[in-house]
Amino acid sequence: MNMTHYMELLANNQPWNLILFMAIPVGLAETVVITELYILFTRRLDGWVRRLNRWAGIVVGLYFAGIIVYLLTTAVLPITAAGQWRTALDVVAVGAYLLGGIPLLLVALQDLGLFHRRLTPEQKLGWHATYVAAFLILGHVAMIFGMADPGLLGYKPPSDQMHMEHSMPMEHGAAMGGDEH
């Protein structure tokens, strides 16, 4: 089966890519989601749950900003320049993954007090929840499209790579395993 660059990124260099690009950011984001639900339900805008929510929001937003910069420079730009996208499924998967980092960055900026400073606590809570929801939507779009076989839309790997393993980031220097040929 063919893979999108998104799946190839997660599949190669096991377990490190999976940890760096999925487990850490999603674990932190899910911590934000779970604590966010608690805060929305209880309206307790103080206490240890809010502190955990704020800490996880700052860390995941800044961490994901690093992922965005890294993958744009080492994968997206080279793959685009070489014309190596594996159909629209590939572009949507990678694009949604990277765009999902933007709402997380906005959570971090808000939690650092650099964004929405003049809003009431209730308004801030509303924006925070909106950013978390946007991340969840984009993250699920990335996963769904990323798991699809790009062959569904006609992608055929170059004939000299049909029987070769996919090359991925950290192994050959390209973050999302742009085809070398």
C-alpha atoms as a PDB file:
ATOM      1  CA  MET A   1       0.000   0.000   0.000  1.00  0.00           C
ATOM      2  CA  ASN A   2       1.162   3.522  -0.754  1.00  0.00           C
ATOM      3  CA  MET A   3       1.513   6.007   2.099  1.00  0.00           C
ATOM      4  CA  THR A   4       0.982   9.708   2.406  1.00  0.00           C
ATOM      5  CA  HIS A   5       3.989  11.675   3.610  1.00  0.00           C
ATOM      6  CA  TYR A   6       2.068  12.133   6.892  1.00  0.00           C
ATOM      7  CA  MET A   7       1.941   8.374   7.514  1.00  0.00           C
ATOM      8  CA  GLU A   8       5.450   7.902   6.255  1.00  0.00           C
ATOM      9  CA  LEU A   9       6.689  10.473   8.764  1.00  0.00           C
ATOM     10  CA  LEU A  10       5.050   8.569  11.618  1.00  0.00           C
ATOM     11  CA  ALA A  11       6.045   5.114  10.347  1.00  0.00           C
ATOM     12  CA  ASN A  12       9.750   5.720   9.814  1.00  0.00           C
ATOM     13  CA  ASN A  13      12.517   6.038  12.375  1.00  0.00           C
ATOM     14  CA  GLN A  14      10.479   4.093  14.940  1.00  0.00           C
ATOM     15  CA  PRO A  15       9.688   4.932  17.651  1.00  0.00           C
ATOM     16  CA  TRP A  16      11.197   8.430  17.544  1.00  0.00           C
ATOM     17  CA  ASN A  17       9.103  10.081  14.833  1.00  0.00           C
ATOM     18  CA  LEU A  18       5.946   8.681  16.369  1.00  0.00           C
ATOM     19  CA  ILE A  19       6.954  10.063  19.768  1.00  0.00           C
ATOM     20  CA  LEU A  20       8.158  13.458  18.504  1.00  0.00           C
ATOM     21  CA  PHE A  21       5.424  14.194  15.959  1.00  0.00           C
ATOM     22  CA  MET A  22       2.437  12.408  17.511  1.00  0.00           C
ATOM     23  CA  ALA A  23       2.760  11.205  21.122  1.00  0.00           C
ATOM     24  CA  ILE A  24       4.204  14.371  22.671  1.00  0.00           C
ATOM     25  CA  PRO A  25       2.052  16.981  20.906  1.00  0.00           C
ATOM     26  CA  VAL A  26      -1.149  14.930  21.007  1.00  0.00           C
ATOM     27  CA  GLY A  27      -0.601  13.929  24.640  1.00  0.00           C
ATOM     28  CA  LEU A  28      -0.162  17.570  25.618  1.00  0.00           C
ATOM     29  CA  ALA A  29      -3.094  18.672  23.451  1.00  0.00           C
ATOM     30  CA  GLU A  30      -5.343  15.993  24.949  1.00  0.00           C
ATOM     31  CA  THR A  31      -4.327  17.225  28.405  1.00  0.00           C
ATOM     32  CA  VAL A  32      -5.517  20.679  27.329  1.00  0.00           C
ATOM     33  CA  VAL A  33      -8.768  19.183  25.964  1.00  0.00           C
ATOM     34  CA  ILE A  34      -9.585  17.173  29.090  1.00  0.00           C
ATOM     35  CA  THR A  35      -8.774  20.007  31.475  1.00  0.00           C
ATOM     36  CA  GLU A  36     -10.644  22.422  29.200  1.00  0.00           C
ATOM     37  CA  LEU A  37     -13.798  20.308  29.493  1.00  0.00           C
ATOM     38  CA  TYR A  38     -13.449  20.299  33.278  1.00  0.00           C
ATOM     39  CA  ILE A  39     -13.019  24.078  33.349  1.00  0.00           C
ATOM     40  CA  LEU A  40     -15.972  24.620  31.020  1.00  0.00           C
ATOM     41  CA  PHE A  41     -18.173  22.331  33.085  1.00  0.00           C
ATOM     42  CA  THR A  42     -17.210  23.667  36.523  1.00  0.00           C
ATOM     43  CA  ARG A  43     -16.364  27.270  35.540  1.00  0.00           C
ATOM     44  CA  ARG A  44     -13.442  27.032  37.977  1.00  0.00           C
ATOM     45  CA  LEU A  45     -10.957  29.438  36.476  1.00  0.00           C
ATOM     46  CA  ASP A  46      -8.385  28.826  39.196  1.00  0.00           C
ATOM     47  CA  GLY A  47      -6.876  25.827  40.950  1.00  0.00           C
ATOM     48  CA  TRP A  48      -4.575  23.033  39.876  1.00  0.00           C
ATOM     49  CA  VAL A  49      -6.654  21.932  36.871  1.00  0.00           C
ATOM     50  CA  ARG A  50      -6.453  25.421  35.361  1.00  0.00           C
ATOM     51  CA  ARG A  51      -2.728  25.577  36.117  1.00  0.00           C
ATOM     52  CA  LEU A  52      -2.231  22.214  34.368  1.00  0.00           C
ATOM     53  CA  ASN A  53      -4.369  23.429  31.451  1.00  0.00           C
ATOM     54  CA  ARG A  54      -2.311  26.608  31.161  1.00  0.00           C
ATOM     55  CA  TRP A  55       1.035  24.802  31.442  1.00  0.00           C
ATOM     56  CA  ALA A  56       0.067  22.154  28.850  1.00  0.00           C
ATOM     57  CA  GLY A  57      -1.333  24.858  26.543  1.00  0.00           C
ATOM     58  CA  ILE A  58       1.865  26.883  26.628  1.00  0.00           C
ATOM     59  CA  VAL A  59       4.129  23.869  26.149  1.00  0.00           C
ATOM     60  CA  VAL A  60       2.117  22.304  23.312  1.00  0.00           C
ATOM     61  CA  GLY A  61       1.706  25.611  21.484  1.00  0.00           C
ATOM     62  CA  LEU A  62       5.414  26.405  21.566  1.00  0.00           C
ATOM     63  CA  TYR A  63       6.361  22.772  20.808  1.00  0.00           C
ATOM     64  CA  PHE A  64       4.038  22.672  17.811  1.00  0.00           C
ATOM     65  CA  ALA A  65       5.414  26.000  16.555  1.00  0.00           C
ATOM     66  CA  GLY A  66       8.783  24.251  16.417  1.00  0.00           C
ATOM     67  CA  ILE A  67       7.267  21.309  14.535  1.00  0.00           C
ATOM     68  CA  ILE A  68       5.693  23.684  12.009  1.00  0.00           C
ATOM     69  CA  VAL A  69       8.967  25.483  11.320  1.00  0.00           C
ATOM     70  CA  TYR A  70      10.921  22.222  11.143  1.00  0.00           C
ATOM     71  CA  LEU A  71       8.516  20.426   8.800  1.00  0.00           C
ATOM     72  CA  LEU A  72       7.958  23.442   6.564  1.00  0.00           C
ATOM     73  CA  THR A  73      11.683  23.859   5.976  1.00  0.00           C
ATOM     74  CA  THR A  74      12.745  20.206   5.805  1.00  0.00           C
ATOM     75  CA  ALA A  75       9.696  18.621   4.183  1.00  0.00           C
ATOM     76  CA  VAL A  76       6.942  20.827   2.782  1.00  0.00           C
ATOM     77  CA  LEU A  77       9.143  23.208   0.802  1.00  0.00           C
ATOM     78  CA  PRO A  78      11.422  20.476  -0.630  1.00  0.00           C
ATOM     79  CA  ILE A  79       8.481  18.195  -1.499  1.00  0.00           C
ATOM     80  CA  THR A  80       6.657  21.089  -3.142  1.00  0.00           C
ATOM     81  CA  ALA A  81       9.725  22.244  -5.070  1.00  0.00           C
ATOM     82  CA  ALA A  82      10.314  18.699  -6.339  1.00  0.00           C
ATOM     83  CA  GLY A  83       6.639  18.153  -7.222  1.00  0.00           C
ATOM     84  CA  GLN A  84       6.509  15.019  -5.074  1.00  0.00           C
ATOM     85  CA  TRP A  85       3.119  15.322  -3.385  1.00  0.00           C
ATOM     86  CA  ARG A  86       1.188  12.080  -3.487  1.00  0.00           C
ATOM     87  CA  THR A  87      -2.190  13.454  -4.580  1.00  0.00           C
ATOM     88  CA  ALA A  88      -4.549  15.825  -2.789  1.00  0.00           C
ATOM     89  CA  LEU A  89      -4.880  13.309   0.066  1.00  0.00           C
ATOM     90  CA  ASP A  90      -1.233  13.909   0.901  1.00  0.00           C
ATOM     91  CA  VAL A  91      -1.521  17.712   0.731  1.00  0.00           C
ATOM     92  CA  VAL A  92      -4.663  17.753   2.914  1.00  0.00           C
ATOM     93  CA  ALA A  93      -3.126  15.412   5.510  1.00  0.00           C
ATOM     94  CA  VAL A  94       0.111  17.351   5.876  1.00  0.00           C
ATOM     95  CA  GLY A  95      -1.618  20.713   5.581  1.00  0.00           C
ATOM     96  CA  ALA A  96      -4.218  19.900   8.240  1.00  0.00           C
ATOM     97  CA  TYR A  97      -1.522  18.564  10.580  1.00  0.00           C
ATOM     98  CA  LEU A  98       0.515  21.765  10.283  1.00  0.00           C
ATOM     99  CA  LEU A  99      -2.541  24.059  10.403  1.00  0.00           C
ATOM    100  CA  GLY A 100      -3.618  22.271  13.604  1.00  0.00           C
ATOM    101  CA  GLY A 101      -0.601  23.806  15.284  1.00  0.00           C
ATOM    102  CA  ILE A 102      -1.891  27.343  14.735  1.00  0.00           C
ATOM    103  CA  PRO A 103      -4.802  27.116  17.209  1.00  0.00           C
ATOM    104  CA  LEU A 104      -2.411  25.511  19.702  1.00  0.00           C
ATOM    105  CA  LEU A 105      -0.015  28.412  19.254  1.00  0.00           C
ATOM    106  CA  LEU A 106      -2.941  30.797  19.879  1.00  0.00           C
ATOM    107  CA  VAL A 107      -3.721  28.889  23.103  1.00  0.00           C
ATOM    108  CA  ALA A 108      -0.098  29.355  24.176  1.00  0.00           C
ATOM    109  CA  LEU A 109      -0.098  33.060  23.327  1.00  0.00           C
ATOM    110  CA  GLN A 110      -3.328  33.565  25.263  1.00  0.00           C
ATOM    111  CA  ASP A 111      -2.031  31.584  28.245  1.00  0.00           C
ATOM    112  CA  LEU A 112       1.183  33.628  28.194  1.00  0.00           C
ATOM    113  CA  GLY A 113      -0.891  36.796  28.346  1.00  0.00           C
ATOM    114  CA  LEU A 114       0.260  37.986  24.929  1.00  0.00           C
ATOM    115  CA  PHE A 115      -3.098  37.596  23.231  1.00  0.00           C
ATOM    116  CA  HIS A 116      -6.652  38.538  24.296  1.00  0.00           C
ATOM    117  CA  ARG A 117      -5.338  40.561  27.239  1.00  0.00           C
ATOM    118  CA  ARG A 118      -8.352  42.866  27.439  1.00  0.00           C
ATOM    119  CA  LEU A 119     -11.014  40.166  27.383  1.00  0.00           C
ATOM    120  CA  THR A 120     -12.980  39.033  30.422  1.00  0.00           C
ATOM    121  CA  PRO A 121     -12.165  35.605  31.886  1.00  0.00           C
ATOM    122  CA  GLU A 122     -15.375  34.221  30.344  1.00  0.00           C
ATOM    123  CA  GLN A 123     -14.454  35.598  26.905  1.00  0.00           C
ATOM    124  CA  LYS A 124     -10.965  34.142  27.219  1.00  0.00           C
ATOM    125  CA  LEU A 125     -12.476  30.788  28.157  1.00  0.00           C
ATOM    126  CA  GLY A 126     -14.637  30.935  25.029  1.00  0.00           C
ATOM    127  CA  TRP A 127     -11.689  31.663  22.742  1.00  0.00           C
ATOM    128  CA  HIS A 128      -9.582  29.009  24.449  1.00  0.00           C
ATOM    129  CA  ALA A 129     -12.306  26.415  23.859  1.00  0.00           C
ATOM    130  CA  THR A 130     -12.666  27.557  20.237  1.00  0.00           C
ATOM    131  CA  TYR A 131      -8.947  27.097  19.599  1.00  0.00           C
ATOM    132  CA  VAL A 132      -9.013  23.650  21.198  1.00  0.00           C
ATOM    133  CA  ALA A 133     -11.998  22.660  19.021  1.00  0.00           C
ATOM    134  CA  ALA A 134     -10.209  23.911  15.892  1.00  0.00           C
ATOM    135  CA  PHE A 135      -7.169  21.808  16.776  1.00  0.00           C
ATOM    136  CA  LEU A 136      -9.331  18.717  17.272  1.00  0.00           C
ATOM    137  CA  ILE A 137     -11.036  19.169  13.907  1.00  0.00           C
ATOM    138  CA  LEU A 138      -7.784  19.745  12.023  1.00  0.00           C
ATOM    139  CA  GLY A 139      -6.053  16.895  13.836  1.00  0.00           C
ATOM    140  CA  HIS A 140      -8.777  14.452  12.878  1.00  0.00           C
ATOM    141  CA  VAL A 141      -8.788  15.652   9.256  1.00  0.00           C
ATOM    142  CA  ALA A 142      -5.011  15.074   9.170  1.00  0.00           C
ATOM    143  CA  MET A 143      -5.363  11.567  10.589  1.00  0.00           C
ATOM    144  CA  ILE A 144      -8.203  10.535   8.279  1.00  0.00           C
ATOM    145  CA  PHE A 145      -6.593  11.836   5.093  1.00  0.00           C
ATOM    146  CA  GLY A 146      -3.135  10.735   6.264  1.00  0.00           C
ATOM    147  CA  MET A 147      -4.230   7.136   6.691  1.00  0.00           C
ATOM    148  CA  ALA A 148      -5.794   6.970   3.234  1.00  0.00           C
ATOM    149  CA  ASP A 149      -3.918   5.306   0.403  1.00  0.00           C
ATOM    150  CA  PRO A 150      -2.926   8.007  -2.107  1.00  0.00           C
ATOM    151  CA  GLY A 151      -3.406   5.315  -4.755  1.00  0.00           C
ATOM    152  CA  LEU A 152      -7.142   5.921  -4.324  1.00  0.00           C
ATOM    153  CA  LEU A 153      -6.632   9.144  -6.268  1.00  0.00           C
ATOM    154  CA  GLY A 154      -4.254   7.628  -8.785  1.00  0.00           C
ATOM    155  CA  TYR A 155      -0.829   7.954  -7.159  1.00  0.00           C
ATOM    156  CA  LYS A 156       1.706   5.448  -8.427  1.00  0.00           C
ATOM    157  CA  PRO A 157       5.197   5.465  -6.923  1.00  0.00           C
ATOM    158  CA  PRO A 158       8.067   5.829  -9.394  1.00  0.00           C
ATOM    159  CA  SER A 159       8.855   2.407 -10.886  1.00  0.00           C
ATOM    160  CA  ASP A 160      12.349   2.318  -9.377  1.00  0.00           C
ATOM    161  CA  GLN A 161      10.827   2.683  -5.884  1.00  0.00           C
ATOM    162  CA  MET A 162       8.025   0.153  -6.191  1.00  0.00           C
ATOM    163  CA  HIS A 163       9.931  -2.441  -4.187  1.00  0.00           C
ATOM    164  CA  MET A 164      12.033  -0.136  -2.033  1.00  0.00           C
ATOM    165  CA  GLU A 165      11.200   0.955   1.478  1.00  0.00           C
ATOM    166  CA  HIS A 166       9.994   4.514   1.841  1.00  0.00           C
ATOM    167  CA  SER A 167      12.683   6.921   2.998  1.00  0.00           C
ATOM    168  CA  MET A 168      11.738   9.180   5.868  1.00  0.00           C
ATOM    169  CA  PRO A 169      12.929  12.046   7.952  1.00  0.00           C
ATOM    170  CA  MET A 170      15.795  11.757  10.282  1.00  0.00           C
ATOM    171  CA  GLU A 171      17.081   8.837   8.190  1.00  0.00           C
ATOM    172  CA  HIS A 172      17.930  10.724   5.005  1.00  0.00           C
ATOM    173  CA  GLY A 173      17.543  14.323   6.090  1.00  0.00           C
ATOM    174  CA  ALA A 174      14.113  15.027   4.609  1.00  0.00           C
ATOM    175  CA  ALA A 175      11.487  15.453   7.286  1.00  0.00           C
ATOM    176  CA  MET A 176       8.631  13.862   5.384  1.00  0.00           C
ATOM    177  CA  GLY A 177      10.615  11.552   3.176  1.00  0.00           C
ATOM    178  CA  GLY A 178      10.537  13.318  -0.125  1.00  0.00           C
ATOM    179  CA  ASP A 179      11.276  10.905  -2.920  1.00  0.00           C
ATOM    180  CA  GLU A 180      14.951  11.045  -3.715  1.00  0.00           C
ATOM    181  CA  HIS A 181      14.595  10.294  -7.447  1.00  0.00           C
END
